Amino acid sequence: MSKEKFLKNLGKHIKELREKKGLSAAEFARRAEMERSHIARLESGQTNPTSTTLKVICDALDISFEELFKGFNKTR
């Protein structure tokens, strides 16, 4: 899988997890202490998140790091 495809899939997965939690993008950005525009870039796969950013995302979604990647590549 190419880097670009991986990032698009990761962003899509993060968005799905956010929506499953019933969070708007604005509320998710507030919880993650990030700009809404940064969340949009992450969810669209336009940016490569650091491990620290992934930790912040997990905290904002109230999930473990393992849960973030659980089943990630099975359906992609």
Protein backbone atom coordinates (compact mmCIF):
# COMPACT_ATOMS: atom_id res chain seq x y z
CA MET A 1 0.00 0.00 0.00
CA SER A 2 1.35 3.41 -0.92
CA LYS A 3 1.95 6.08 1.70
CA GLU A 4 -0.80 8.23 0.19
CA LYS A 5 -3.33 5.38 0.27
CA PHE A 6 -2.36 4.54 3.86
CA LEU A 7 -2.87 8.16 4.99
CA LYS A 8 -6.24 8.40 3.22
CA ASN A 9 -7.36 5.15 4.83
CA LEU A 10 -6.12 6.23 8.25
CA GLY A 11 -7.94 9.55 7.96
CA LYS A 12 -11.13 7.82 6.88
CA HIS A 13 -10.82 5.42 9.82
CA ILE A 14 -10.32 8.28 12.30
CA LYS A 15 -13.38 10.02 10.90
CA GLU A 16 -15.43 6.81 11.22
CA LEU A 17 -14.32 6.40 14.84
CA ARG A 18 -15.16 10.04 15.57
CA GLU A 19 -18.62 9.70 14.04
CA LYS A 20 -19.20 6.41 15.87
CA LYS A 21 -18.54 8.31 19.11
CA GLY A 22 -21.11 10.92 18.03
CA LEU A 23 -18.58 13.74 17.92
CA SER A 24 -18.75 16.61 15.49
CA ALA A 25 -15.47 17.65 13.91
CA ALA A 26 -15.58 20.86 15.97
CA GLU A 27 -16.06 18.97 19.25
CA PHE A 28 -13.33 16.51 18.33
CA ALA A 29 -10.97 19.39 17.54
CA ARG A 30 -11.79 21.00 20.89
CA ARG A 31 -11.14 17.76 22.79
CA ALA A 32 -7.89 17.19 20.91
CA GLU A 33 -6.89 20.85 21.36
CA MET A 34 -6.29 21.15 17.61
CA GLU A 35 -7.50 23.54 14.98
CA ARG A 36 -10.58 22.32 13.08
CA SER A 37 -8.62 22.73 9.83
CA HIS A 38 -5.94 20.32 11.13
CA ILE A 39 -8.63 17.73 11.89
CA ALA A 40 -9.97 18.15 8.35
CA ARG A 41 -6.49 17.58 6.89
CA LEU A 42 -6.00 14.48 9.06
CA GLU A 43 -9.37 13.00 8.15
CA SER A 44 -8.80 13.58 4.45
CA GLY A 45 -5.33 12.02 4.53
CA GLN A 46 -3.55 15.23 3.59
CA THR A 47 -1.15 15.14 6.54
CA ASN A 48 1.00 12.49 8.17
CA PRO A 49 0.28 12.52 11.91
CA THR A 50 3.11 12.08 14.37
CA SER A 51 2.94 9.46 17.09
CA THR A 52 2.19 12.27 19.54
CA THR A 53 -0.72 13.45 17.39
CA LEU A 54 -2.06 9.89 17.23
CA LYS A 55 -1.89 9.75 21.05
CA VAL A 56 -3.85 13.00 21.29
CA ILE A 57 -6.43 11.61 18.84
CA CYS A 58 -6.79 8.45 20.92
CA ASP A 59 -7.25 10.50 24.08
CA ALA A 60 -9.85 12.72 22.40
CA LEU A 61 -11.74 9.62 21.21
CA ASP A 62 -11.27 7.90 24.58
CA ILE A 63 -9.72 4.83 22.94
CA SER A 64 -6.40 3.06 23.27
CA PHE A 65 -3.66 3.30 20.68
CA GLU A 66 -4.30 -0.37 19.90
CA GLU A 67 -8.00 0.33 19.30
CA LEU A 68 -7.09 3.00 16.76
CA PHE A 69 -5.46 0.37 14.56
CA LYS A 70 -7.67 -2.60 15.44
CA GLY A 71 -9.17 -3.85 12.20
CA PHE A 72 -7.78 -0.87 10.32
CA ASN A 73 -6.39 -2.75 7.31
CA LYS A 74 -8.95 -5.57 7.29
CA THR A 75 -11.59 -3.55 5.46
CA ARG A 76 -9.38 -1.24 3.44
